[in-house]
Amino acid sequence: MLNIPPPDLADNVTEDHKNLRDLFDFEPVTLEREITRWIKEKKL
């Protein structure tokens, strides 16, 4: 699997992503949104 991923790797991406978000309570954030938050919190 070094350079050639299995052909079915992307088949369950949507379900895998949902499971990871549920497990880790993670909200993906864009860089722009994060920078805006930093500016509002005066961290940048």
C-alpha atoms as a PDB file:
ATOM      1  CA  MET A   1       0.000   0.000   0.000  1.00  0.00           C
ATOM      2  CA  LEU A   2       2.984   2.306  -0.254  1.00  0.00           C
ATOM      3  CA  ASN A   3       2.148   3.923  -3.587  1.00  0.00           C
ATOM      4  CA  ILE A   4      -0.863   1.968  -4.794  1.00  0.00           C
ATOM      5  CA  PRO A   5      -3.928   2.249  -2.557  1.00  0.00           C
ATOM      6  CA  PRO A   6      -6.531  -0.508  -2.726  1.00  0.00           C
ATOM      7  CA  PRO A   7      -9.159   0.195  -5.401  1.00  0.00           C
ATOM      8  CA  ASP A   8     -12.000   0.162  -2.860  1.00  0.00           C
ATOM      9  CA  LEU A   9     -10.354   2.693  -0.525  1.00  0.00           C
ATOM     10  CA  ALA A  10     -12.661   5.560  -1.525  1.00  0.00           C
ATOM     11  CA  ASP A  11     -15.860   3.520  -1.553  1.00  0.00           C
ATOM     12  CA  ASN A  12     -16.773   4.297   2.066  1.00  0.00           C
ATOM     13  CA  VAL A  13     -15.312   7.774   2.422  1.00  0.00           C
ATOM     14  CA  THR A  14     -18.646   9.388   3.304  1.00  0.00           C
ATOM     15  CA  GLU A  15     -19.466   6.840   5.996  1.00  0.00           C
ATOM     16  CA  ASP A  16     -15.888   6.832   7.329  1.00  0.00           C
ATOM     17  CA  HIS A  17     -15.914  10.628   7.579  1.00  0.00           C
ATOM     18  CA  LYS A  18     -19.227  10.571   9.459  1.00  0.00           C
ATOM     19  CA  ASN A  19     -17.916   7.931  11.871  1.00  0.00           C
ATOM     20  CA  LEU A  20     -14.757   9.922  12.567  1.00  0.00           C
ATOM     21  CA  ARG A  21     -16.726  13.115  13.209  1.00  0.00           C
ATOM     22  CA  ASP A  22     -19.067  11.241  15.557  1.00  0.00           C
ATOM     23  CA  LEU A  23     -16.215   9.539  17.398  1.00  0.00           C
ATOM     24  CA  PHE A  24     -14.001  12.583  17.859  1.00  0.00           C
ATOM     25  CA  ASP A  25     -16.599  15.378  17.955  1.00  0.00           C
ATOM     26  CA  PHE A  26     -14.555  17.255  15.349  1.00  0.00           C
ATOM     27  CA  GLU A  27     -15.852  20.128  13.278  1.00  0.00           C
ATOM     28  CA  PRO A  28     -13.759  20.767  10.142  1.00  0.00           C
ATOM     29  CA  VAL A  29     -12.844  24.440   9.815  1.00  0.00           C
ATOM     30  CA  THR A  30     -11.486  26.366   6.867  1.00  0.00           C
ATOM     31  CA  LEU A  31      -8.296  28.358   7.285  1.00  0.00           C
ATOM     32  CA  GLU A  32     -10.218  31.565   6.570  1.00  0.00           C
ATOM     33  CA  ARG A  33     -12.731  30.849   9.342  1.00  0.00           C
ATOM     34  CA  GLU A  34      -9.961  29.986  11.806  1.00  0.00           C
ATOM     35  CA  ILE A  35      -8.044  33.194  11.030  1.00  0.00           C
ATOM     36  CA  THR A  36     -11.241  35.208  11.507  1.00  0.00           C
ATOM     37  CA  ARG A  37     -11.740  33.560  14.894  1.00  0.00           C
ATOM     38  CA  TRP A  38      -8.121  34.309  15.881  1.00  0.00           C
ATOM     39  CA  ILE A  39      -8.532  37.962  14.921  1.00  0.00           C
ATOM     40  CA  LYS A  40     -11.733  38.244  16.984  1.00  0.00           C
ATOM     41  CA  GLU A  41      -9.976  36.636  19.951  1.00  0.00           C
ATOM     42  CA  LYS A  42      -6.958  38.929  19.378  1.00  0.00           C
ATOM     43  CA  LYS A  43      -4.617  35.962  19.000  1.00  0.00           C
ATOM     44  CA  LEU A  44      -3.320  37.117  15.624  1.00  0.00           C
END
